[in-house]
Amino acid sequence: MRLSPWLLLLALPFAVLAQNTATGLFQAMDTNGDGRISEAEYVAYMSQGFYRRDLNHDGVLEPDELPGGHGKPVTLKAWQDNLRREFNKLDRNHDGYLSPQELMQPPR
């Protein structure tokens, strides 16, 4: 199936937005600007979600701080251990860093 040129022109801004979003995310995580994301950078960036949810700042997400207001409490250590497992799944070439392509790939 061939797409019409008009459809391609309409889709182009969305493709540019997606690329800019992906690039922006990568740059936000790459705090030292070396063009790759270390495990420490990934964990630090992704831990921001924990800190935003931990309303009483006790290092534990209680059920009322979790999405939907229920579930088992989650410690910062458990949260970050999970992030490290995710990082290792994304690091497909096992070099200890994420490239832009690795970061944006679907998890396996």
Protein backbone atom coordinates (compact mmCIF):
# COMPACT_ATOMS: atom_id res chain seq x y z
CA MET A 1 0.00 0.00 0.00
CA ARG A 2 1.38 3.38 -1.00
CA LEU A 3 0.67 6.47 1.10
CA SER A 4 -0.40 9.63 -0.64
CA PRO A 5 1.98 12.61 -0.48
CA TRP A 6 -0.72 14.56 1.38
CA LEU A 7 -0.95 11.93 4.08
CA LEU A 8 2.83 11.97 4.43
CA LEU A 9 2.81 15.77 4.80
CA LEU A 10 0.14 15.53 7.50
CA ALA A 11 2.09 12.85 9.38
CA LEU A 12 5.43 14.69 9.21
CA PRO A 13 4.78 17.06 12.15
CA PHE A 14 3.91 14.08 14.35
CA ALA A 15 7.09 12.27 13.35
CA VAL A 16 9.15 15.39 14.10
CA LEU A 17 7.40 15.79 17.46
CA ALA A 18 8.08 12.16 18.35
CA GLN A 19 11.74 12.54 17.38
CA ASN A 20 12.07 15.75 19.37
CA THR A 21 10.43 14.12 22.37
CA ALA A 22 12.73 11.09 22.18
CA THR A 23 15.77 13.32 21.73
CA GLY A 24 14.68 15.54 24.60
CA LEU A 25 14.20 12.56 26.90
CA PHE A 26 17.62 11.19 26.01
CA GLN A 27 19.28 14.57 26.60
CA ALA A 28 17.49 14.98 29.94
CA MET A 29 18.79 11.60 31.11
CA ASP A 30 22.32 12.11 29.75
CA THR A 31 23.34 14.51 32.52
CA ASN A 32 27.06 14.46 31.71
CA GLY A 33 26.45 14.97 27.96
CA ASP A 34 28.62 12.07 26.80
CA GLY A 35 26.02 10.79 24.33
CA ARG A 36 25.11 7.71 26.34
CA ILE A 37 23.13 6.96 29.48
CA SER A 38 24.76 5.09 32.34
CA GLU A 39 22.81 2.97 34.79
CA ALA A 40 23.29 5.68 37.44
CA GLU A 41 21.89 8.37 35.11
CA TYR A 42 18.92 6.17 34.19
CA VAL A 43 18.12 5.32 37.81
CA ALA A 44 18.49 8.95 38.96
CA TYR A 45 16.19 10.26 36.21
CA MET A 46 13.58 7.54 36.58
CA SER A 47 13.58 7.86 40.38
CA GLN A 48 12.05 11.31 40.03
CA GLY A 49 8.68 9.59 39.68
CA PHE A 50 9.15 7.97 43.08
CA TYR A 51 10.10 11.27 44.71
CA ARG A 52 7.04 13.01 43.21
CA ARG A 53 4.71 10.31 44.56
CA ASP A 54 6.33 10.09 48.00
CA LEU A 55 4.24 12.93 49.42
CA ASN A 56 5.37 12.51 53.02
CA HIS A 57 9.03 12.02 51.96
CA ASP A 58 9.55 8.91 54.11
CA GLY A 59 11.21 6.82 51.36
CA VAL A 60 8.21 4.49 51.07
CA LEU A 61 5.28 4.72 48.70
CA GLU A 62 2.31 3.81 50.84
CA PRO A 63 -0.90 2.54 49.21
CA ASP A 64 -2.45 6.03 49.20
CA GLU A 65 0.61 7.34 47.30
CA LEU A 66 0.35 4.63 44.61
CA PRO A 67 -1.73 4.92 41.43
CA GLY A 68 -5.29 3.92 42.21
CA GLY A 69 -4.68 4.39 45.93
CA HIS A 70 -4.01 0.73 46.66
CA GLY A 71 -1.25 -1.88 46.54
CA LYS A 72 1.65 -2.98 48.67
CA PRO A 73 4.10 -0.36 49.98
CA VAL A 74 7.17 0.16 47.79
CA THR A 75 10.51 1.31 49.17
CA LEU A 76 12.93 3.52 47.26
CA LYS A 77 15.41 0.62 47.23
CA ALA A 78 12.85 -1.76 45.67
CA TRP A 79 11.87 0.93 43.12
CA GLN A 80 15.50 1.49 42.13
CA ASP A 81 16.28 -2.25 42.02
CA ASN A 82 13.44 -2.58 39.51
CA LEU A 83 14.87 0.31 37.48
CA ARG A 84 18.26 -1.44 37.37
CA ARG A 85 16.59 -4.60 36.03
CA GLU A 86 14.83 -2.50 33.37
CA PHE A 87 18.13 -0.83 32.45
CA ASN A 88 19.80 -4.21 31.98
CA LYS A 89 16.97 -5.37 29.72
CA LEU A 90 17.25 -2.21 27.61
CA ASP A 91 21.07 -2.47 27.38
CA ARG A 92 20.92 -5.06 24.61
CA ASN A 93 24.61 -4.90 23.72
CA HIS A 94 25.56 -5.16 27.42
CA ASP A 95 28.10 -2.34 27.32
CA GLY A 96 26.75 -0.73 30.51
CA TYR A 97 25.25 2.25 28.68
CA LEU A 98 22.09 3.04 26.75
CA SER A 99 22.26 4.53 23.28
CA PRO A 100 19.32 6.56 21.97
CA GLN A 101 18.19 3.48 20.03
CA GLU A 102 18.33 1.22 23.08
CA LEU A 103 16.44 3.74 25.22
CA MET A 104 13.59 4.04 22.74
CA GLN A 105 13.19 0.35 21.93
CA PRO A 106 10.27 -1.58 23.38
CA PRO A 107 11.21 -3.60 26.46
CA ARG A 108 11.63 -7.31 25.95
